[in-house]
């Protein structure tokens, strides 16, 4: 399974952009508010069978992504 990670940021003032750029293979885009515009933009840049939207304040278990991918 080919995996692609896309991050859409709306001008964060924290270290989000620097952190994203530190990971090889992660694509960073910028889009305007509201969050719906950012999700739509990210969706147009993606392809594949699975699409997962996570917000900056999302909290999930340690194995969430692994379990989510294997459950699909």
PDB file of N, CA and C in Angstrom:
ATOM      1  N   UNK A   1       0.844  -1.173   0.000  1.00  0.00           N
ATOM      2  CA  UNK A   1       0.000   0.000   0.000  1.00  0.00           C
ATOM      3  C   UNK A   1       0.893   1.241   0.000  1.00  0.00           C
ATOM      4  N   UNK A   2       0.643   2.112  -0.940  1.00  0.00           N
ATOM      5  CA  UNK A   2       1.377   3.374  -1.038  1.00  0.00           C
ATOM      6  C   UNK A   2       0.731   4.382  -0.095  1.00  0.00           C
ATOM      7  N   UNK A   3       1.534   5.076   0.678  1.00  0.00           N
ATOM      8  CA  UNK A   3       1.021   6.045   1.643  1.00  0.00           C
ATOM      9  C   UNK A   3       1.513   7.434   1.282  1.00  0.00           C
ATOM     10  N   UNK A   4       0.641   8.406   1.473  1.00  0.00           N
ATOM     11  CA  UNK A   4       0.999   9.794   1.197  1.00  0.00           C
ATOM     12  C   UNK A   4       0.474  10.631   2.349  1.00  0.00           C
ATOM     13  N   UNK A   5       1.337  11.462   2.908  1.00  0.00           N
ATOM     14  CA  UNK A   5       0.923  12.341   4.005  1.00  0.00           C
ATOM     15  C   UNK A   5       0.935  13.769   3.494  1.00  0.00           C
ATOM     16  N   UNK A   6      -0.215  14.420   3.657  1.00  0.00           N
ATOM     17  CA  UNK A   6      -0.397  15.805   3.240  1.00  0.00           C
ATOM     18  C   UNK A   6      -0.791  16.616   4.472  1.00  0.00           C
ATOM     19  N   UNK A   7      -0.144  17.732   4.672  1.00  0.00           N
ATOM     20  CA  UNK A   7      -0.506  18.652   5.745  1.00  0.00           C
ATOM     21  C   UNK A   7      -0.913  19.965   5.099  1.00  0.00           C
ATOM     22  N   UNK A   8      -2.098  20.449   5.457  1.00  0.00           N
ATOM     23  CA  UNK A   8      -2.570  21.749   4.971  1.00  0.00           C
ATOM     24  C   UNK A   8      -2.594  22.687   6.173  1.00  0.00           C
ATOM     25  N   UNK A   9      -1.832  23.749   6.086  1.00  0.00           N
ATOM     26  CA  UNK A   9      -1.687  24.693   7.190  1.00  0.00           C
ATOM     27  C   UNK A   9      -2.238  26.050   6.775  1.00  0.00           C
ATOM     28  N   UNK A  10      -2.749  26.766   7.741  1.00  0.00           N
ATOM     29  CA  UNK A  10      -3.325  28.086   7.479  1.00  0.00           C
ATOM     30  C   UNK A  10      -2.546  29.153   8.249  1.00  0.00           C
ATOM     31  N   UNK A  11      -1.244  29.186   8.018  1.00  0.00           N
ATOM     32  CA  UNK A  11      -0.430  30.232   8.635  1.00  0.00           C
ATOM     33  C   UNK A  11      -0.213  30.078  10.121  1.00  0.00           C
ATOM     34  N   UNK A  12      -0.014  28.851  10.578  1.00  0.00           N
ATOM     35  CA  UNK A  12       0.241  28.634  12.004  1.00  0.00           C
ATOM     36  C   UNK A  12       1.395  29.503  12.477  1.00  0.00           C
ATOM     37  N   UNK A  13       1.293  29.953  13.702  1.00  0.00           N
ATOM     38  CA  UNK A  13       2.361  30.780  14.282  1.00  0.00           C
ATOM     39  C   UNK A  13       3.259  29.957  15.196  1.00  0.00           C
ATOM     40  N   UNK A  14       2.984  28.668  15.277  1.00  0.00           N
ATOM     41  CA  UNK A  14       3.833  27.798  16.075  1.00  0.00           C
ATOM     42  C   UNK A  14       4.875  27.131  15.172  1.00  0.00           C
ATOM     43  N   UNK A  15       5.357  25.998  15.540  1.00  0.00           N
ATOM     44  CA  UNK A  15       6.407  25.323  14.782  1.00  0.00           C
ATOM     45  C   UNK A  15       5.866  24.294  13.783  1.00  0.00           C
ATOM     46  N   UNK A  16       4.575  24.344  13.475  1.00  0.00           N
ATOM     47  CA  UNK A  16       3.952  23.350  12.592  1.00  0.00           C
ATOM     48  C   UNK A  16       4.697  23.207  11.283  1.00  0.00           C
ATOM     49  N   UNK A  17       4.935  24.295  10.595  1.00  0.00           N
ATOM     50  CA  UNK A  17       5.566  24.215   9.277  1.00  0.00           C
ATOM     51  C   UNK A  17       6.986  23.666   9.361  1.00  0.00           C
ATOM     52  N   UNK A  18       7.753  24.072  10.348  1.00  0.00           N
ATOM     53  CA  UNK A  18       9.123  23.563  10.508  1.00  0.00           C
ATOM     54  C   UNK A  18       9.104  22.070  10.823  1.00  0.00           C
ATOM     55  N   UNK A  19       8.179  21.645  11.645  1.00  0.00           N
ATOM     56  CA  UNK A  19       8.075  20.226  11.991  1.00  0.00           C
ATOM     57  C   UNK A  19       7.715  19.413  10.756  1.00  0.00           C
ATOM     58  N   UNK A  20       6.729  19.878   9.996  1.00  0.00           N
ATOM     59  CA  UNK A  20       6.321  19.157   8.782  1.00  0.00           C
ATOM     60  C   UNK A  20       7.486  19.051   7.812  1.00  0.00           C
ATOM     61  N   UNK A  21       8.216  20.132   7.625  1.00  0.00           N
ATOM     62  CA  UNK A  21       9.349  20.121   6.687  1.00  0.00           C
ATOM     63  C   UNK A  21      10.481  19.201   7.142  1.00  0.00           C
ATOM     64  N   UNK A  22      10.515  18.878   8.422  1.00  0.00           N
ATOM     65  CA  UNK A  22      11.592  18.010   8.926  1.00  0.00           C
ATOM     66  C   UNK A  22      11.353  16.534   8.583  1.00  0.00           C
ATOM     67  N   UNK A  23      10.161  16.195   8.115  1.00  0.00           N
ATOM     68  CA  UNK A  23       9.844  14.811   7.748  1.00  0.00           C
ATOM     69  C   UNK A  23       9.928  14.630   6.239  1.00  0.00           C
ATOM     70  N   UNK A  24      10.750  13.703   5.824  1.00  0.00           N
ATOM     71  CA  UNK A  24      10.880  13.395   4.405  1.00  0.00           C
ATOM     72  C   UNK A  24       9.589  12.770   3.888  1.00  0.00           C
ATOM     73  N   UNK A  25       9.162  13.197   2.717  1.00  0.00           N
ATOM     74  CA  UNK A  25       7.992  12.602   2.086  1.00  0.00           C
ATOM     75  C   UNK A  25       6.659  13.188   2.507  1.00  0.00           C
ATOM     76  N   UNK A  26       6.652  14.164   3.399  1.00  0.00           N
ATOM     77  CA  UNK A  26       5.413  14.818   3.808  1.00  0.00           C
ATOM     78  C   UNK A  26       5.276  16.099   2.996  1.00  0.00           C
ATOM     79  N   UNK A  27       4.114  16.300   2.393  1.00  0.00           N
ATOM     80  CA  UNK A  27       3.868  17.470   1.555  1.00  0.00           C
ATOM     81  C   UNK A  27       3.107  18.515   2.345  1.00  0.00           C
ATOM     82  N   UNK A  28       3.592  19.739   2.331  1.00  0.00           N
ATOM     83  CA  UNK A  28       2.964  20.848   3.047  1.00  0.00           C
ATOM     84  C   UNK A  28       2.318  21.799   2.055  1.00  0.00           C
ATOM     85  N   UNK A  29       1.053  22.078   2.276  1.00  0.00           N
ATOM     86  CA  UNK A  29       0.313  23.051   1.473  1.00  0.00           C
ATOM     87  C   UNK A  29      -0.231  24.129   2.401  1.00  0.00           C
ATOM     88  N   UNK A  30      -0.615  25.242   1.812  1.00  0.00           N
ATOM     89  CA  UNK A  30      -1.248  26.327   2.551  1.00  0.00           C
ATOM     90  C   UNK A  30      -2.614  26.597   1.928  1.00  0.00           C
ATOM     91  N   UNK A  31      -3.604  26.819   2.785  1.00  0.00           N
ATOM     92  CA  UNK A  31      -4.952  27.137   2.317  1.00  0.00           C
ATOM     93  C   UNK A  31      -5.603  28.087   3.312  1.00  0.00           C
ATOM     94  N   UNK A  32      -6.587  28.804   2.841  1.00  0.00           N
ATOM     95  CA  UNK A  32      -7.276  29.792   3.672  1.00  0.00           C
ATOM     96  C   UNK A  32      -8.300  29.152   4.590  1.00  0.00           C
ATOM     97  N   UNK A  33      -8.626  29.881   5.664  1.00  0.00           N
ATOM     98  CA  UNK A  33      -9.716  29.487   6.557  1.00  0.00           C
ATOM     99  C   UNK A  33     -11.024  29.606   5.799  1.00  0.00           C
ATOM    100  N   UNK A  34     -12.070  28.962   6.206  1.00  0.00           N
ATOM    101  CA  UNK A  34     -12.214  28.092   7.365  1.00  0.00           C
ATOM    102  C   UNK A  34     -11.648  26.704   7.111  1.00  0.00           C
ATOM    103  N   UNK A  35     -11.692  25.881   8.146  1.00  0.00           N
ATOM    104  CA  UNK A  35     -11.103  24.548   8.081  1.00  0.00           C
ATOM    105  C   UNK A  35     -11.699  23.722   6.939  1.00  0.00           C
ATOM    106  N   UNK A  36     -12.937  23.957   6.574  1.00  0.00           N
ATOM    107  CA  UNK A  36     -13.551  23.243   5.453  1.00  0.00           C
ATOM    108  C   UNK A  36     -12.801  23.478   4.155  1.00  0.00           C
ATOM    109  N   UNK A  37     -12.331  24.697   3.936  1.00  0.00           N
ATOM    110  CA  UNK A  37     -11.529  25.003   2.742  1.00  0.00           C
ATOM    111  C   UNK A  37     -10.214  24.234   2.765  1.00  0.00           C
ATOM    112  N   UNK A  38      -9.618  24.140   3.923  1.00  0.00           N
ATOM    113  CA  UNK A  38      -8.347  23.431   4.050  1.00  0.00           C
ATOM    114  C   UNK A  38      -8.535  21.940   3.775  1.00  0.00           C
ATOM    115  N   UNK A  39      -9.602  21.363   4.312  1.00  0.00           N
ATOM    116  CA  UNK A  39      -9.885  19.946   4.068  1.00  0.00           C
ATOM    117  C   UNK A  39     -10.174  19.693   2.591  1.00  0.00           C
ATOM    118  N   UNK A  40     -10.962  20.560   1.999  1.00  0.00           N
ATOM    119  CA  UNK A  40     -11.276  20.403   0.569  1.00  0.00           C
ATOM    120  C   UNK A  40     -10.005  20.478  -0.259  1.00  0.00           C
ATOM    121  N   UNK A  41      -9.151  21.431   0.044  1.00  0.00           N
ATOM    122  CA  UNK A  41      -7.902  21.575  -0.696  1.00  0.00           C
ATOM    123  C   UNK A  41      -7.035  20.327  -0.541  1.00  0.00           C
ATOM    124  N   UNK A  42      -6.884  19.859   0.677  1.00  0.00           N
ATOM    125  CA  UNK A  42      -6.103  18.647   0.908  1.00  0.00           C
ATOM    126  C   UNK A  42      -6.687  17.459   0.175  1.00  0.00           C
ATOM    127  N   UNK A  43      -8.011  17.365   0.152  1.00  0.00           N
ATOM    128  CA  UNK A  43      -8.665  16.274  -0.558  1.00  0.00           C
ATOM    129  C   UNK A  43      -8.408  16.312  -2.047  1.00  0.00           C
ATOM    130  N   UNK A  44      -8.344  17.494  -2.611  1.00  0.00           N
ATOM    131  CA  UNK A  44      -8.088  17.601  -4.051  1.00  0.00           C
ATOM    132  C   UNK A  44      -6.656  17.218  -4.402  1.00  0.00           C
ATOM    133  N   UNK A  45      -5.763  17.285  -3.434  1.00  0.00           N
ATOM    134  CA  UNK A  45      -4.356  16.938  -3.656  1.00  0.00           C
ATOM    135  C   UNK A  45      -4.068  15.472  -3.358  1.00  0.00           C
ATOM    136  N   UNK A  46      -5.069  14.748  -2.899  1.00  0.00           N
ATOM    137  CA  UNK A  46      -4.856  13.361  -2.506  1.00  0.00           C
ATOM    138  C   UNK A  46      -5.437  12.397  -3.529  1.00  0.00           C
ATOM    139  N   UNK A  47      -5.059  11.153  -3.377  1.00  0.00           N
ATOM    140  CA  UNK A  47      -5.615  10.087  -4.197  1.00  0.00           C
ATOM    141  C   UNK A  47      -5.511   8.796  -3.397  1.00  0.00           C
ATOM    142  N   UNK A  48      -6.243   7.799  -3.794  1.00  0.00           N
ATOM    143  CA  UNK A  48      -6.162   6.522  -3.107  1.00  0.00           C
ATOM    144  C   UNK A  48      -7.503   6.086  -2.570  1.00  0.00           C
ATOM    145  N   UNK A  49      -7.476   5.015  -1.827  1.00  0.00           N
ATOM    146  CA  UNK A  49      -8.708   4.412  -1.312  1.00  0.00           C
ATOM    147  C   UNK A  49      -9.098   4.914   0.063  1.00  0.00           C
ATOM    148  N   UNK A  50      -8.161   5.482   0.791  1.00  0.00           N
ATOM    149  CA  UNK A  50      -8.429   5.918   2.166  1.00  0.00           C
ATOM    150  C   UNK A  50      -7.992   7.364   2.346  1.00  0.00           C
ATOM    151  N   UNK A  51      -8.818   8.118   3.037  1.00  0.00           N
ATOM    152  CA  UNK A  51      -8.521   9.525   3.306  1.00  0.00           C
ATOM    153  C   UNK A  51      -8.908   9.806   4.749  1.00  0.00           C
ATOM    154  N   UNK A  52      -7.991  10.346   5.511  1.00  0.00           N
ATOM    155  CA  UNK A  52      -8.223  10.618   6.925  1.00  0.00           C
ATOM    156  C   UNK A  52      -7.887  12.071   7.200  1.00  0.00           C
ATOM    157  N   UNK A  53      -8.838  12.794   7.779  1.00  0.00           N
ATOM    158  CA  UNK A  53      -8.615  14.181   8.165  1.00  0.00           C
ATOM    159  C   UNK A  53      -8.377  14.241   9.663  1.00  0.00           C
ATOM    160  N   UNK A  54      -7.299  14.892  10.074  1.00  0.00           N
ATOM    161  CA  UNK A  54      -7.000  15.096  11.487  1.00  0.00           C
ATOM    162  C   UNK A  54      -6.780  16.579  11.718  1.00  0.00           C
ATOM    163  N   UNK A  55      -7.311  17.080  12.805  1.00  0.00           N
ATOM    164  CA  UNK A  55      -7.108  18.474  13.174  1.00  0.00           C
ATOM    165  C   UNK A  55      -5.959  18.581  14.166  1.00  0.00           C
ATOM    166  N   UNK A  56      -5.444  19.773  14.332  1.00  0.00           N
ATOM    167  CA  UNK A  56      -4.296  19.996  15.205  1.00  0.00           C
ATOM    168  C   UNK A  56      -4.567  19.572  16.645  1.00  0.00           C
ATOM    169  N   UNK A  57      -5.815  19.632  17.062  1.00  0.00           N
ATOM    170  CA  UNK A  57      -6.130  19.277  18.443  1.00  0.00           C
ATOM    171  C   UNK A  57      -6.596  17.827  18.596  1.00  0.00           C
ATOM    172  N   UNK A  58      -6.464  17.032  17.544  1.00  0.00           N
ATOM    173  CA  UNK A  58      -6.877  15.628  17.607  1.00  0.00           C
ATOM    174  C   UNK A  58      -5.965  14.850  18.550  1.00  0.00           C
ATOM    175  N   UNK A  59      -6.571  13.997  19.345  1.00  0.00           N
ATOM    176  CA  UNK A  59      -5.818  13.117  20.231  1.00  0.00           C
ATOM    177  C   UNK A  59      -6.296  11.701  19.971  1.00  0.00           C
ATOM    178  N   UNK A  60      -5.366  10.783  19.817  1.00  0.00           N
ATOM    179  CA  UNK A  60      -5.739   9.404  19.574  1.00  0.00           C
ATOM    180  C   UNK A  60      -4.719   8.472  20.202  1.00  0.00           C
ATOM    181  N   UNK A  61      -5.088   7.223  20.298  1.00  0.00           N
ATOM    182  CA  UNK A  61      -4.224   6.246  20.952  1.00  0.00           C
ATOM    183  C   UNK A  61      -2.932   6.028  20.175  1.00  0.00           C
ATOM    184  N   UNK A  62      -1.959   5.466  20.846  1.00  0.00           N
ATOM    185  CA  UNK A  62      -0.638   5.226  20.265  1.00  0.00           C
ATOM    186  C   UNK A  62      -0.710   4.425  18.971  1.00  0.00           C
ATOM    187  N   UNK A  63      -1.587   3.476  18.880  1.00  0.00           N
ATOM    188  CA  UNK A  63      -1.674   2.591  17.722  1.00  0.00           C
ATOM    189  C   UNK A  63      -2.823   2.938  16.781  1.00  0.00           C
ATOM    190  N   UNK A  64      -3.415   4.102  16.928  1.00  0.00           N
ATOM    191  CA  UNK A  64      -4.594   4.462  16.140  1.00  0.00           C
ATOM    192  C   UNK A  64      -4.374   4.318  14.635  1.00  0.00           C
ATOM    193  N   UNK A  65      -3.324   4.936  14.114  1.00  0.00           N
ATOM    194  CA  UNK A  65      -3.109   4.905  12.665  1.00  0.00           C
ATOM    195  C   UNK A  65      -2.843   3.492  12.167  1.00  0.00           C
ATOM    196  N   UNK A  66      -2.026   2.752  12.876  1.00  0.00           N
ATOM    197  CA  UNK A  66      -1.759   1.367  12.481  1.00  0.00           C
ATOM    198  C   UNK A  66      -3.053   0.551  12.458  1.00  0.00           C
ATOM    199  N   UNK A  67      -3.852   0.681  13.511  1.00  0.00           N
ATOM    200  CA  UNK A  67      -5.096  -0.064  13.599  1.00  0.00           C
ATOM    201  C   UNK A  67      -6.083   0.390  12.527  1.00  0.00           C
ATOM    202  N   UNK A  68      -6.127   1.671  12.241  1.00  0.00           N
ATOM    203  CA  UNK A  68      -7.036   2.199  11.229  1.00  0.00           C
ATOM    204  C   UNK A  68      -6.679   1.664   9.837  1.00  0.00           C
ATOM    205  N   UNK A  69      -5.395   1.651   9.519  1.00  0.00           N
ATOM    206  CA  UNK A  69      -4.958   1.151   8.214  1.00  0.00           C
ATOM    207  C   UNK A  69      -5.252  -0.335   8.095  1.00  0.00           C
ATOM    208  N   UNK A  70      -5.005  -1.103   9.128  1.00  0.00           N
ATOM    209  CA  UNK A  70      -5.225  -2.555   9.066  1.00  0.00           C
ATOM    210  C   UNK A  70      -6.704  -2.908   9.053  1.00  0.00           C
ATOM    211  N   UNK A  71      -7.554  -2.059   9.596  1.00  0.00           N
ATOM    212  CA  UNK A  71      -8.999  -2.346   9.643  1.00  0.00           C
ATOM    213  C   UNK A  71      -9.663  -2.097   8.289  1.00  0.00           C
ATOM    214  N   UNK A  72      -9.046  -1.299   7.460  1.00  0.00           N
ATOM    215  CA  UNK A  72      -9.655  -0.940   6.170  1.00  0.00           C
ATOM    216  C   UNK A  72      -9.581  -2.072   5.173  1.00  0.00           C
TER     217      UNK A  72
END
